[in-house]
């Protein structure tokens, strides 16, 4: 199932709406990397609120997406990790090291806006 990716100003929002296969995750990766370049996006939000399980491949792909988009000039925030999913991930040792997470979409957008605002004042 293809993950919808919305453009919201300088940001891309990918809303995962159901369990994804490994192929779906790879497609999400490819789509986000391409769209970050095409739209010159400053931030990416991956909303995983609908997921009730996260396996090692999904966690690894989220880390990869965050690292690659950062190299392309965009920060990535993963939002909406459910409490049970977070607990299971910790129990299984699945960490999203170096990946920013936020409680929900609103918090993720606020984080990106603050980050972009801080970076633009540094450049001045």
PDB file of N, CA and C in Angstrom:
ATOM      1  N   UNK A   1       0.838  -1.179   0.000  1.00  0.00           N
ATOM      2  CA  UNK A   1       0.000   0.000   0.000  1.00  0.00           C
ATOM      3  C   UNK A   1       0.885   1.245   0.000  1.00  0.00           C
ATOM      4  N   UNK A   2       0.651   2.127  -0.924  1.00  0.00           N
ATOM      5  CA  UNK A   2       1.439   3.349  -1.028  1.00  0.00           C
ATOM      6  C   UNK A   2       1.042   4.314   0.092  1.00  0.00           C
ATOM      7  N   UNK A   3       2.047   4.909   0.728  1.00  0.00           N
ATOM      8  CA  UNK A   3       1.810   5.852   1.813  1.00  0.00           C
ATOM      9  C   UNK A   3       1.611   7.246   1.217  1.00  0.00           C
ATOM     10  N   UNK A   4       0.501   7.897   1.557  1.00  0.00           N
ATOM     11  CA  UNK A   4       0.294   9.258   1.043  1.00  0.00           C
ATOM     12  C   UNK A   4       1.298  10.229   1.664  1.00  0.00           C
ATOM     13  N   UNK A   5       1.845  11.097   0.820  1.00  0.00           N
ATOM     14  CA  UNK A   5       2.787  12.113   1.280  1.00  0.00           C
ATOM     15  C   UNK A   5       2.219  13.469   0.890  1.00  0.00           C
ATOM     16  N   UNK A   6       1.924  14.278   1.902  1.00  0.00           N
ATOM     17  CA  UNK A   6       1.357  15.605   1.686  1.00  0.00           C
ATOM     18  C   UNK A   6       2.448  16.660   1.813  1.00  0.00           C
ATOM     19  N   UNK A   7       2.373  17.679   0.970  1.00  0.00           N
ATOM     20  CA  UNK A   7       3.282  18.815   1.074  1.00  0.00           C
ATOM     21  C   UNK A   7       2.559  19.902   1.844  1.00  0.00           C
ATOM     22  N   UNK A   8       3.147  20.345   2.945  1.00  0.00           N
ATOM     23  CA  UNK A   8       2.573  21.394   3.779  1.00  0.00           C
ATOM     24  C   UNK A   8       3.638  22.472   3.953  1.00  0.00           C
ATOM     25  N   UNK A   9       3.634  23.465   3.079  1.00  0.00           N
ATOM     26  CA  UNK A   9       4.667  24.498   3.129  1.00  0.00           C
ATOM     27  C   UNK A   9       6.034  23.894   2.847  1.00  0.00           C
ATOM     28  N   UNK A  10       6.955  24.097   3.776  1.00  0.00           N
ATOM     29  CA  UNK A  10       8.321  23.566   3.642  1.00  0.00           C
ATOM     30  C   UNK A  10       8.454  22.124   4.114  1.00  0.00           C
ATOM     31  N   UNK A  11       7.346  21.508   4.496  1.00  0.00           N
ATOM     32  CA  UNK A  11       7.399  20.184   5.104  1.00  0.00           C
ATOM     33  C   UNK A  11       6.647  19.146   4.274  1.00  0.00           C
ATOM     34  N   UNK A  12       7.085  17.903   4.425  1.00  0.00           N
ATOM     35  CA  UNK A  12       6.375  16.758   3.866  1.00  0.00           C
ATOM     36  C   UNK A  12       5.823  15.951   5.025  1.00  0.00           C
ATOM     37  N   UNK A  13       4.592  15.477   4.891  1.00  0.00           N
ATOM     38  CA  UNK A  13       3.968  14.662   5.928  1.00  0.00           C
ATOM     39  C   UNK A  13       3.555  13.339   5.307  1.00  0.00           C
ATOM     40  N   UNK A  14       4.173  12.267   5.788  1.00  0.00           N
ATOM     41  CA  UNK A  14       3.834  10.919   5.332  1.00  0.00           C
ATOM     42  C   UNK A  14       3.012  10.260   6.434  1.00  0.00           C
ATOM     43  N   UNK A  15       1.796   9.890   6.107  1.00  0.00           N
ATOM     44  CA  UNK A  15       0.896   9.320   7.100  1.00  0.00           C
ATOM     45  C   UNK A  15       0.713   7.822   6.825  1.00  0.00           C
ATOM     46  N   UNK A  16       1.372   7.015   7.645  1.00  0.00           N
ATOM     47  CA  UNK A  16       1.262   5.558   7.511  1.00  0.00           C
ATOM     48  C   UNK A  16      -0.100   5.160   8.065  1.00  0.00           C
ATOM     49  N   UNK A  17      -0.929   4.546   7.221  1.00  0.00           N
ATOM     50  CA  UNK A  17      -2.303   4.278   7.617  1.00  0.00           C
ATOM     51  C   UNK A  17      -2.601   2.805   7.888  1.00  0.00           C
ATOM     52  N   UNK A  18      -1.640   1.947   7.606  1.00  0.00           N
ATOM     53  CA  UNK A  18      -1.820   0.528   7.897  1.00  0.00           C
ATOM     54  C   UNK A  18      -0.447  -0.133   7.942  1.00  0.00           C
ATOM     55  N   UNK A  19      -0.441  -1.381   8.358  1.00  0.00           N
ATOM     56  CA  UNK A  19       0.814  -2.123   8.408  1.00  0.00           C
ATOM     57  C   UNK A  19       1.430  -2.155   7.010  1.00  0.00           C
ATOM     58  N   UNK A  20       2.732  -1.891   6.952  1.00  0.00           N
ATOM     59  CA  UNK A  20       3.427  -1.851   5.669  1.00  0.00           C
ATOM     60  C   UNK A  20       4.316  -3.069   5.492  1.00  0.00           C
ATOM     61  N   UNK A  21       4.370  -3.553   4.280  1.00  0.00           N
ATOM     62  CA  UNK A  21       5.302  -4.619   3.959  1.00  0.00           C
ATOM     63  C   UNK A  21       6.694  -4.007   3.812  1.00  0.00           C
ATOM     64  N   UNK A  22       7.703  -4.844   3.739  1.00  0.00           N
ATOM     65  CA  UNK A  22       9.065  -4.353   3.527  1.00  0.00           C
ATOM     66  C   UNK A  22       9.156  -3.578   2.215  1.00  0.00           C
ATOM     67  N   UNK A  23       8.457  -4.044   1.194  1.00  0.00           N
ATOM     68  CA  UNK A  23       8.443  -3.359  -0.094  1.00  0.00           C
ATOM     69  C   UNK A  23       7.785  -1.972   0.024  1.00  0.00           C
ATOM     70  N   UNK A  24       6.695  -1.891   0.796  1.00  0.00           N
ATOM     71  CA  UNK A  24       6.028  -0.605   1.034  1.00  0.00           C
ATOM     72  C   UNK A  24       6.965   0.373   1.740  1.00  0.00           C
ATOM     73  N   UNK A  25       7.706  -0.115   2.715  1.00  0.00           N
ATOM     74  CA  UNK A  25       8.651   0.741   3.451  1.00  0.00           C
ATOM     75  C   UNK A  25       9.762   1.240   2.539  1.00  0.00           C
ATOM     76  N   UNK A  26      10.248   0.380   1.669  1.00  0.00           N
ATOM     77  CA  UNK A  26      11.278   0.784   0.705  1.00  0.00           C
ATOM     78  C   UNK A  26      10.723   1.841  -0.246  1.00  0.00           C
ATOM     79  N   UNK A  27       9.469   1.671  -0.674  1.00  0.00           N
ATOM     80  CA  UNK A  27       8.835   2.654  -1.552  1.00  0.00           C
ATOM     81  C   UNK A  27       8.667   3.992  -0.838  1.00  0.00           C
ATOM     82  N   UNK A  28       8.286   3.962   0.443  1.00  0.00           N
ATOM     83  CA  UNK A  28       8.167   5.190   1.236  1.00  0.00           C
ATOM     84  C   UNK A  28       9.522   5.892   1.298  1.00  0.00           C
ATOM     85  N   UNK A  29      10.553   5.137   1.562  1.00  0.00           N
ATOM     86  CA  UNK A  29      11.928   5.666   1.588  1.00  0.00           C
ATOM     87  C   UNK A  29      12.259   6.370   0.278  1.00  0.00           C
ATOM     88  N   UNK A  30      12.061   5.674  -0.825  1.00  0.00           N
ATOM     89  CA  UNK A  30      12.389   6.228  -2.141  1.00  0.00           C
ATOM     90  C   UNK A  30      11.559   7.480  -2.447  1.00  0.00           C
ATOM     91  N   UNK A  31      10.260   7.429  -2.134  1.00  0.00           N
ATOM     92  CA  UNK A  31       9.376   8.566  -2.401  1.00  0.00           C
ATOM     93  C   UNK A  31       9.778   9.794  -1.593  1.00  0.00           C
ATOM     94  N   UNK A  32      10.081   9.598  -0.307  1.00  0.00           N
ATOM     95  CA  UNK A  32      10.454  10.737   0.535  1.00  0.00           C
ATOM     96  C   UNK A  32      11.774  11.359   0.093  1.00  0.00           C
ATOM     97  N   UNK A  33      12.753  10.524  -0.202  1.00  0.00           N
ATOM     98  CA  UNK A  33      14.047  11.048  -0.638  1.00  0.00           C
ATOM     99  C   UNK A  33      13.890  11.855  -1.924  1.00  0.00           C
ATOM    100  N   UNK A  34      13.096  11.348  -2.848  1.00  0.00           N
ATOM    101  CA  UNK A  34      12.881  12.054  -4.117  1.00  0.00           C
ATOM    102  C   UNK A  34      12.143  13.369  -3.895  1.00  0.00           C
ATOM    103  N   UNK A  35      11.089  13.356  -3.067  1.00  0.00           N
ATOM    104  CA  UNK A  35      10.278  14.552  -2.854  1.00  0.00           C
ATOM    105  C   UNK A  35      11.013  15.620  -2.046  1.00  0.00           C
ATOM    106  N   UNK A  36      11.869  15.232  -1.137  1.00  0.00           N
ATOM    107  CA  UNK A  36      12.670  16.218  -0.398  1.00  0.00           C
ATOM    108  C   UNK A  36      13.490  17.046  -1.383  1.00  0.00           C
ATOM    109  N   UNK A  37      14.092  16.382  -2.359  1.00  0.00           N
ATOM    110  CA  UNK A  37      14.873  17.100  -3.361  1.00  0.00           C
ATOM    111  C   UNK A  37      14.015  17.923  -4.296  1.00  0.00           C
ATOM    112  N   UNK A  38      12.928  17.346  -4.751  1.00  0.00           N
ATOM    113  CA  UNK A  38      12.068  18.036  -5.714  1.00  0.00           C
ATOM    114  C   UNK A  38      11.432  19.286  -5.113  1.00  0.00           C
ATOM    115  N   UNK A  39      10.950  19.186  -3.876  1.00  0.00           N
ATOM    116  CA  UNK A  39      10.259  20.315  -3.247  1.00  0.00           C
ATOM    117  C   UNK A  39      11.172  21.163  -2.364  1.00  0.00           C
ATOM    118  N   UNK A  40      12.449  20.762  -2.255  1.00  0.00           N
ATOM    119  CA  UNK A  40      13.397  21.458  -1.379  1.00  0.00           C
ATOM    120  C   UNK A  40      12.838  21.594   0.032  1.00  0.00           C
ATOM    121  N   UNK A  41      12.305  20.502   0.527  1.00  0.00           N
ATOM    122  CA  UNK A  41      11.667  20.478   1.838  1.00  0.00           C
ATOM    123  C   UNK A  41      12.683  20.658   2.951  1.00  0.00           C
ATOM    124  N   UNK A  42      12.275  21.344   4.015  1.00  0.00           N
ATOM    125  CA  UNK A  42      13.132  21.576   5.172  1.00  0.00           C
ATOM    126  C   UNK A  42      12.868  20.561   6.274  1.00  0.00           C
ATOM    127  N   UNK A  43      11.718  19.875   6.190  1.00  0.00           N
ATOM    128  CA  UNK A  43      11.372  18.915   7.225  1.00  0.00           C
ATOM    129  C   UNK A  43      10.455  17.829   6.701  1.00  0.00           C
ATOM    130  N   UNK A  44      10.517  16.681   7.369  1.00  0.00           N
ATOM    131  CA  UNK A  44       9.689  15.526   7.031  1.00  0.00           C
ATOM    132  C   UNK A  44       9.086  15.003   8.324  1.00  0.00           C
ATOM    133  N   UNK A  45       7.805  14.725   8.281  1.00  0.00           N
ATOM    134  CA  UNK A  45       7.146  14.072   9.406  1.00  0.00           C
ATOM    135  C   UNK A  45       6.617  12.739   8.913  1.00  0.00           C
ATOM    136  N   UNK A  46       6.953  11.679   9.648  1.00  0.00           N
ATOM    137  CA  UNK A  46       6.411  10.354   9.359  1.00  0.00           C
ATOM    138  C   UNK A  46       5.483  10.012  10.523  1.00  0.00           C
ATOM    139  N   UNK A  47       4.195   9.964  10.236  1.00  0.00           N
ATOM    140  CA  UNK A  47       3.181   9.706  11.255  1.00  0.00           C
ATOM    141  C   UNK A  47       2.862   8.215  11.284  1.00  0.00           C
ATOM    142  N   UNK A  48       3.197   7.577  12.398  1.00  0.00           N
ATOM    143  CA  UNK A  48       2.992   6.126  12.533  1.00  0.00           C
ATOM    144  C   UNK A  48       1.895   5.809  13.548  1.00  0.00           C
ATOM    145  N   UNK A  49       1.010   6.754  13.793  1.00  0.00           N
ATOM    146  CA  UNK A  49      -0.050   6.588  14.790  1.00  0.00           C
ATOM    147  C   UNK A  49      -0.869   5.324  14.558  1.00  0.00           C
ATOM    148  N   UNK A  50      -1.120   4.968  13.313  1.00  0.00           N
ATOM    149  CA  UNK A  50      -1.980   3.822  13.000  1.00  0.00           C
ATOM    150  C   UNK A  50      -1.283   2.479  13.211  1.00  0.00           C
ATOM    151  N   UNK A  51       0.029   2.479  13.406  1.00  0.00           N
ATOM    152  CA  UNK A  51       0.743   1.209  13.562  1.00  0.00           C
ATOM    153  C   UNK A  51       0.596   0.671  14.976  1.00  0.00           C
ATOM    154  N   UNK A  52       0.262  -0.616  15.074  1.00  0.00           N
ATOM    155  CA  UNK A  52       0.200  -1.239  16.390  1.00  0.00           C
ATOM    156  C   UNK A  52       1.347  -2.216  16.608  1.00  0.00           C
ATOM    157  N   UNK A  53       2.279  -2.240  15.648  1.00  0.00           N
ATOM    158  CA  UNK A  53       3.478  -3.062  15.780  1.00  0.00           C
ATOM    159  C   UNK A  53       4.567  -2.453  14.903  1.00  0.00           C
ATOM    160  N   UNK A  54       5.814  -2.576  15.369  1.00  0.00           N
ATOM    161  CA  UNK A  54       6.936  -2.109  14.566  1.00  0.00           C
ATOM    162  C   UNK A  54       8.035  -3.171  14.656  1.00  0.00           C
ATOM    163  N   UNK A  55       8.410  -3.703  13.499  1.00  0.00           N
ATOM    164  CA  UNK A  55       9.449  -4.728  13.491  1.00  0.00           C
ATOM    165  C   UNK A  55      10.819  -4.082  13.250  1.00  0.00           C
ATOM    166  N   UNK A  56      11.846  -4.919  13.253  1.00  0.00           N
ATOM    167  CA  UNK A  56      13.216  -4.396  13.131  1.00  0.00           C
ATOM    168  C   UNK A  56      13.453  -3.737  11.773  1.00  0.00           C
ATOM    169  N   UNK A  57      12.860  -4.259  10.717  1.00  0.00           N
ATOM    170  CA  UNK A  57      13.055  -3.653   9.400  1.00  0.00           C
ATOM    171  C   UNK A  57      12.405  -2.271   9.349  1.00  0.00           C
ATOM    172  N   UNK A  58      11.203  -2.133   9.905  1.00  0.00           N
ATOM    173  CA  UNK A  58      10.521  -0.839   9.921  1.00  0.00           C
ATOM    174  C   UNK A  58      11.325   0.183  10.715  1.00  0.00           C
ATOM    175  N   UNK A  59      11.836  -0.207  11.875  1.00  0.00           N
ATOM    176  CA  UNK A  59      12.654   0.703  12.683  1.00  0.00           C
ATOM    177  C   UNK A  59      13.916   1.113  11.931  1.00  0.00           C
ATOM    178  N   UNK A  60      14.556   0.156  11.277  1.00  0.00           N
ATOM    179  CA  UNK A  60      15.775   0.446  10.507  1.00  0.00           C
ATOM    180  C   UNK A  60      15.471   1.379   9.334  1.00  0.00           C
ATOM    181  N   UNK A  61      14.331   1.175   8.666  1.00  0.00           N
ATOM    182  CA  UNK A  61      13.973   2.043   7.545  1.00  0.00           C
ATOM    183  C   UNK A  61      13.661   3.461   8.022  1.00  0.00           C
ATOM    184  N   UNK A  62      13.029   3.607   9.170  1.00  0.00           N
ATOM    185  CA  UNK A  62      12.773   4.951   9.698  1.00  0.00           C
ATOM    186  C   UNK A  62      14.083   5.665  10.021  1.00  0.00           C
ATOM    187  N   UNK A  63      15.034   4.942  10.595  1.00  0.00           N
ATOM    188  CA  UNK A  63      16.362   5.536  10.856  1.00  0.00           C
ATOM    189  C   UNK A  63      17.035   5.924   9.553  1.00  0.00           C
ATOM    190  N   UNK A  64      16.972   5.058   8.564  1.00  0.00           N
ATOM    191  CA  UNK A  64      17.590   5.335   7.259  1.00  0.00           C
ATOM    192  C   UNK A  64      16.949   6.548   6.603  1.00  0.00           C
ATOM    193  N   UNK A  65      15.631   6.626   6.634  1.00  0.00           N
ATOM    194  CA  UNK A  65      14.924   7.779   6.070  1.00  0.00           C
ATOM    195  C   UNK A  65      15.399   9.062   6.748  1.00  0.00           C
ATOM    196  N   UNK A  66      15.467   9.050   8.073  1.00  0.00           N
ATOM    197  CA  UNK A  66      15.893  10.241   8.822  1.00  0.00           C
ATOM    198  C   UNK A  66      17.315  10.647   8.462  1.00  0.00           C
ATOM    199  N   UNK A  67      18.212   9.687   8.345  1.00  0.00           N
ATOM    200  CA  UNK A  67      19.613   9.999   8.036  1.00  0.00           C
ATOM    201  C   UNK A  67      19.774  10.516   6.606  1.00  0.00           C
ATOM    202  N   UNK A  68      19.105   9.877   5.662  1.00  0.00           N
ATOM    203  CA  UNK A  68      19.239  10.296   4.258  1.00  0.00           C
ATOM    204  C   UNK A  68      18.599  11.663   4.035  1.00  0.00           C
ATOM    205  N   UNK A  69      17.416  11.886   4.599  1.00  0.00           N
ATOM    206  CA  UNK A  69      16.788  13.193   4.398  1.00  0.00           C
ATOM    207  C   UNK A  69      17.600  14.297   5.057  1.00  0.00           C
ATOM    208  N   UNK A  70      18.260  14.000   6.169  1.00  0.00           N
ATOM    209  CA  UNK A  70      19.129  15.000   6.803  1.00  0.00           C
ATOM    210  C   UNK A  70      20.289  15.351   5.876  1.00  0.00           C
ATOM    211  N   UNK A  71      20.859  14.357   5.224  1.00  0.00           N
ATOM    212  CA  UNK A  71      21.929  14.616   4.266  1.00  0.00           C
ATOM    213  C   UNK A  71      21.427  15.427   3.080  1.00  0.00           C
ATOM    214  N   UNK A  72      20.115  15.357   2.819  1.00  0.00           N
ATOM    215  CA  UNK A  72      19.507  16.116   1.713  1.00  0.00           C
ATOM    216  C   UNK A  72      18.986  17.470   2.186  1.00  0.00           C
ATOM    217  N   UNK A  73      19.193  17.790   3.476  1.00  0.00           N
ATOM    218  CA  UNK A  73      18.834  19.112   3.978  1.00  0.00           C
ATOM    219  C   UNK A  73      17.526  19.211   4.733  1.00  0.00           C
ATOM    220  N   UNK A  74      16.916  18.089   5.068  1.00  0.00           N
ATOM    221  CA  UNK A  74      15.632  18.111   5.777  1.00  0.00           C
ATOM    222  C   UNK A  74      15.730  17.313   7.075  1.00  0.00           C
ATOM    223  N   UNK A  75      15.154  17.860   8.123  1.00  0.00           N
ATOM    224  CA  UNK A  75      15.057  17.142   9.390  1.00  0.00           C
ATOM    225  C   UNK A  75      13.838  16.224   9.348  1.00  0.00           C
ATOM    226  N   UNK A  76      13.926  15.077  10.001  1.00  0.00           N
ATOM    227  CA  UNK A  76      12.801  14.146  10.048  1.00  0.00           C
ATOM    228  C   UNK A  76      12.362  13.942  11.484  1.00  0.00           C
ATOM    229  N   UNK A  77      11.049  13.925  11.680  1.00  0.00           N
ATOM    230  CA  UNK A  77      10.462  13.644  12.980  1.00  0.00           C
ATOM    231  C   UNK A  77       9.467  12.505  12.799  1.00  0.00           C
ATOM    232  N   UNK A  78       9.594  11.477  13.627  1.00  0.00           N
ATOM    233  CA  UNK A  78       8.634  10.371  13.638  1.00  0.00           C
ATOM    234  C   UNK A  78       7.635  10.677  14.750  1.00  0.00           C
ATOM    235  N   UNK A  79       6.355  10.690  14.409  1.00  0.00           N
ATOM    236  CA  UNK A  79       5.330  11.040  15.403  1.00  0.00           C
ATOM    237  C   UNK A  79       4.324   9.909  15.563  1.00  0.00           C
ATOM    238  N   UNK A  80       3.716   9.869  16.749  1.00  0.00           N
ATOM    239  CA  UNK A  80       2.583   8.983  16.974  1.00  0.00           C
ATOM    240  C   UNK A  80       2.909   7.559  17.375  1.00  0.00           C
ATOM    241  N   UNK A  81       4.102   7.308  17.890  1.00  0.00           N
ATOM    242  CA  UNK A  81       4.403   5.939  18.336  1.00  0.00           C
ATOM    243  C   UNK A  81       3.515   5.638  19.551  1.00  0.00           C
ATOM    244  N   UNK A  82       2.684   4.627  19.423  1.00  0.00           N
ATOM    245  CA  UNK A  82       1.754   4.253  20.478  1.00  0.00           C
ATOM    246  C   UNK A  82       2.503   3.677  21.681  1.00  0.00           C
ATOM    247  N   UNK A  83       1.957   3.823  22.900  1.00  0.00           N
ATOM    248  CA  UNK A  83       2.638   3.329  24.105  1.00  0.00           C
ATOM    249  C   UNK A  83       3.008   1.848  24.046  1.00  0.00           C
ATOM    250  N   UNK A  84       2.094   1.006  23.577  1.00  0.00           N
ATOM    251  CA  UNK A  84       2.373  -0.433  23.494  1.00  0.00           C
ATOM    252  C   UNK A  84       3.482  -0.725  22.484  1.00  0.00           C
ATOM    253  N   UNK A  85       3.493   0.037  21.390  1.00  0.00           N
ATOM    254  CA  UNK A  85       4.531  -0.134  20.377  1.00  0.00           C
ATOM    255  C   UNK A  85       5.877   0.278  20.957  1.00  0.00           C
ATOM    256  N   UNK A  86       5.908   1.406  21.672  1.00  0.00           N
ATOM    257  CA  UNK A  86       7.153   1.875  22.290  1.00  0.00           C
ATOM    258  C   UNK A  86       7.672   0.842  23.287  1.00  0.00           C
ATOM    259  N   UNK A  87       6.785   0.296  24.100  1.00  0.00           N
ATOM    260  CA  UNK A  87       7.175  -0.713  25.074  1.00  0.00           C
ATOM    261  C   UNK A  87       7.777  -1.936  24.384  1.00  0.00           C
ATOM    262  N   UNK A  88       7.097  -2.414  23.339  1.00  0.00           N
ATOM    263  CA  UNK A  88       7.593  -3.588  22.598  1.00  0.00           C
ATOM    264  C   UNK A  88       8.944  -3.309  21.945  1.00  0.00           C
ATOM    265  N   UNK A  89       9.089  -2.105  21.393  1.00  0.00           N
ATOM    266  CA  UNK A  89      10.357  -1.751  20.744  1.00  0.00           C
ATOM    267  C   UNK A  89      11.503  -1.785  21.749  1.00  0.00           C
ATOM    268  N   UNK A  90      11.274  -1.239  22.941  1.00  0.00           N
ATOM    269  CA  UNK A  90      12.315  -1.243  23.969  1.00  0.00           C
ATOM    270  C   UNK A  90      12.629  -2.672  24.384  1.00  0.00           C
ATOM    271  N   UNK A  91      11.614  -3.489  24.572  1.00  0.00           N
ATOM    272  CA  UNK A  91      11.820  -4.878  24.965  1.00  0.00           C
ATOM    273  C   UNK A  91      12.623  -5.657  23.927  1.00  0.00           C
ATOM    274  N   UNK A  92      12.406  -5.320  22.651  1.00  0.00           N
ATOM    275  CA  UNK A  92      13.104  -6.009  21.565  1.00  0.00           C
ATOM    276  C   UNK A  92      14.426  -5.346  21.192  1.00  0.00           C
ATOM    277  N   UNK A  93      14.751  -4.228  21.836  1.00  0.00           N
ATOM    278  CA  UNK A  93      16.003  -3.528  21.537  1.00  0.00           C
ATOM    279  C   UNK A  93      15.961  -2.754  20.227  1.00  0.00           C
ATOM    280  N   UNK A  94      14.764  -2.394  19.763  1.00  0.00           N
ATOM    281  CA  UNK A  94      14.619  -1.640  18.516  1.00  0.00           C
ATOM    282  C   UNK A  94      14.617  -0.153  18.859  1.00  0.00           C
ATOM    283  N   UNK A  95      15.733   0.499  18.643  1.00  0.00           N
ATOM    284  CA  UNK A  95      15.860   1.904  19.005  1.00  0.00           C
ATOM    285  C   UNK A  95      15.899   2.770  17.753  1.00  0.00           C
ATOM    286  N   UNK A  96      15.370   3.961  17.889  1.00  0.00           N
ATOM    287  CA  UNK A  96      15.431   4.937  16.806  1.00  0.00           C
ATOM    288  C   UNK A  96      16.503   5.965  17.158  1.00  0.00           C
ATOM    289  N   UNK A  97      17.729   5.469  17.364  1.00  0.00           N
ATOM    290  CA  UNK A  97      18.845   6.341  17.718  1.00  0.00           C
ATOM    291  C   UNK A  97      18.992   7.454  16.688  1.00  0.00           C
ATOM    292  N   UNK A  98      19.262   8.657  17.179  1.00  0.00           N
ATOM    293  CA  UNK A  98      19.491   9.829  16.328  1.00  0.00           C
ATOM    294  C   UNK A  98      18.269  10.221  15.502  1.00  0.00           C
ATOM    295  N   UNK A  99      17.089   9.725  15.849  1.00  0.00           N
ATOM    296  CA  UNK A  99      15.863  10.104  15.147  1.00  0.00           C
ATOM    297  C   UNK A  99      14.984  10.852  16.147  1.00  0.00           C
ATOM    298  N   UNK A 100      14.560  12.038  15.762  1.00  0.00           N
ATOM    299  CA  UNK A 100      13.685  12.815  16.632  1.00  0.00           C
ATOM    300  C   UNK A 100      12.285  12.221  16.586  1.00  0.00           C
ATOM    301  N   UNK A 101      11.676  12.109  17.756  1.00  0.00           N
ATOM    302  CA  UNK A 101      10.300  11.629  17.837  1.00  0.00           C
ATOM    303  C   UNK A 101       9.465  12.682  18.556  1.00  0.00           C
ATOM    304  N   UNK A 102       8.166  12.653  18.306  1.00  0.00           N
ATOM    305  CA  UNK A 102       7.241  13.557  18.974  1.00  0.00           C
ATOM    306  C   UNK A 102       5.946  12.809  19.241  1.00  0.00           C
ATOM    307  N   UNK A 103       5.199  13.334  20.190  1.00  0.00           N
ATOM    308  CA  UNK A 103       3.965  12.678  20.609  1.00  0.00           C
ATOM    309  C   UNK A 103       2.945  12.580  19.480  1.00  0.00           C
ATOM    310  N   UNK A 104       2.752  13.679  18.747  1.00  0.00           N
ATOM    311  CA  UNK A 104       1.739  13.696  17.698  1.00  0.00           C
ATOM    312  C   UNK A 104       2.135  14.667  16.595  1.00  0.00           C
ATOM    313  N   UNK A 105       1.293  14.766  15.584  1.00  0.00           N
ATOM    314  CA  UNK A 105       1.572  15.608  14.427  1.00  0.00           C
ATOM    315  C   UNK A 105       1.754  17.071  14.821  1.00  0.00           C
ATOM    316  N   UNK A 106       0.913  17.558  15.696  1.00  0.00           N
ATOM    317  CA  UNK A 106       0.997  18.951  16.139  1.00  0.00           C
ATOM    318  C   UNK A 106       2.354  19.249  16.787  1.00  0.00           C
ATOM    319  N   UNK A 107       2.792  18.363  17.659  1.00  0.00           N
ATOM    320  CA  UNK A 107       4.083  18.545  18.328  1.00  0.00           C
ATOM    321  C   UNK A 107       5.238  18.434  17.327  1.00  0.00           C
ATOM    322  N   UNK A 108       5.113  17.533  16.371  1.00  0.00           N
ATOM    323  CA  UNK A 108       6.144  17.377  15.345  1.00  0.00           C
ATOM    324  C   UNK A 108       6.275  18.621  14.482  1.00  0.00           C
ATOM    325  N   UNK A 109       5.148  19.197  14.079  1.00  0.00           N
ATOM    326  CA  UNK A 109       5.175  20.436  13.290  1.00  0.00           C
ATOM    327  C   UNK A 109       5.767  21.585  14.094  1.00  0.00           C
ATOM    328  N   UNK A 110       5.397  21.690  15.362  1.00  0.00           N
ATOM    329  CA  UNK A 110       5.943  22.755  16.219  1.00  0.00           C
ATOM    330  C   UNK A 110       7.455  22.611  16.347  1.00  0.00           C
ATOM    331  N   UNK A 111       7.931  21.373  16.495  1.00  0.00           N
ATOM    332  CA  UNK A 111       9.374  21.140  16.592  1.00  0.00           C
ATOM    333  C   UNK A 111      10.082  21.589  15.319  1.00  0.00           C
ATOM    334  N   UNK A 112       9.555  21.186  14.158  1.00  0.00           N
ATOM    335  CA  UNK A 112      10.193  21.566  12.894  1.00  0.00           C
ATOM    336  C   UNK A 112      10.174  23.076  12.685  1.00  0.00           C
ATOM    337  N   UNK A 113       9.066  23.725  13.011  1.00  0.00           N
ATOM    338  CA  UNK A 113       8.979  25.176  12.853  1.00  0.00           C
ATOM    339  C   UNK A 113      10.008  25.875  13.732  1.00  0.00           C
ATOM    340  N   UNK A 114      10.164  25.409  14.964  1.00  0.00           N
ATOM    341  CA  UNK A 114      11.149  25.996  15.874  1.00  0.00           C
ATOM    342  C   UNK A 114      12.565  25.755  15.358  1.00  0.00           C
ATOM    343  N   UNK A 115      12.816  24.556  14.844  1.00  0.00           N
ATOM    344  CA  UNK A 115      14.136  24.216  14.321  1.00  0.00           C
ATOM    345  C   UNK A 115      14.482  25.064  13.104  1.00  0.00           C
ATOM    346  N   UNK A 116      13.542  25.192  12.185  1.00  0.00           N
ATOM    347  CA  UNK A 116      13.776  25.994  10.977  1.00  0.00           C
ATOM    348  C   UNK A 116      13.960  27.463  11.356  1.00  0.00           C
ATOM    349  N   UNK A 117      13.147  27.945  12.300  1.00  0.00           N
ATOM    350  CA  UNK A 117      13.269  29.323  12.763  1.00  0.00           C
ATOM    351  C   UNK A 117      14.649  29.553  13.386  1.00  0.00           C
ATOM    352  N   UNK A 118      15.100  28.612  14.198  1.00  0.00           N
ATOM    353  CA  UNK A 118      16.429  28.722  14.830  1.00  0.00           C
ATOM    354  C   UNK A 118      17.541  28.696  13.820  1.00  0.00           C
ATOM    355  N   UNK A 119      17.425  27.860  12.789  1.00  0.00           N
ATOM    356  CA  UNK A 119      18.458  27.783  11.755  1.00  0.00           C
ATOM    357  C   UNK A 119      18.495  29.040  10.903  1.00  0.00           C
ATOM    358  N   UNK A 120      17.343  29.666  10.656  1.00  0.00           N
ATOM    359  CA  UNK A 120      17.346  30.866   9.814  1.00  0.00           C
ATOM    360  C   UNK A 120      17.949  32.052  10.567  1.00  0.00           C
ATOM    361  N   UNK A 121      17.808  32.098  11.902  1.00  0.00           N
ATOM    362  CA  UNK A 121      18.436  33.189  12.627  1.00  0.00           C
ATOM    363  C   UNK A 121      19.937  32.982  12.749  1.00  0.00           C
ATOM    364  N   UNK A 122      20.381  31.748  12.741  1.00  0.00           N
ATOM    365  CA  UNK A 122      21.826  31.452  12.764  1.00  0.00           C
ATOM    366  C   UNK A 122      22.473  31.904  11.470  1.00  0.00           C
ATOM    367  N   UNK A 123      21.746  31.729  10.349  1.00  0.00           N
ATOM    368  CA  UNK A 123      22.304  32.065   9.037  1.00  0.00           C
ATOM    369  C   UNK A 123      22.393  33.567   8.803  1.00  0.00           C
ATOM    370  N   UNK A 124      21.592  34.348   9.546  1.00  0.00           N
ATOM    371  CA  UNK A 124      21.560  35.794   9.346  1.00  0.00           C
ATOM    372  C   UNK A 124      22.783  36.471   9.927  1.00  0.00           C
TER     373      UNK A 124
END
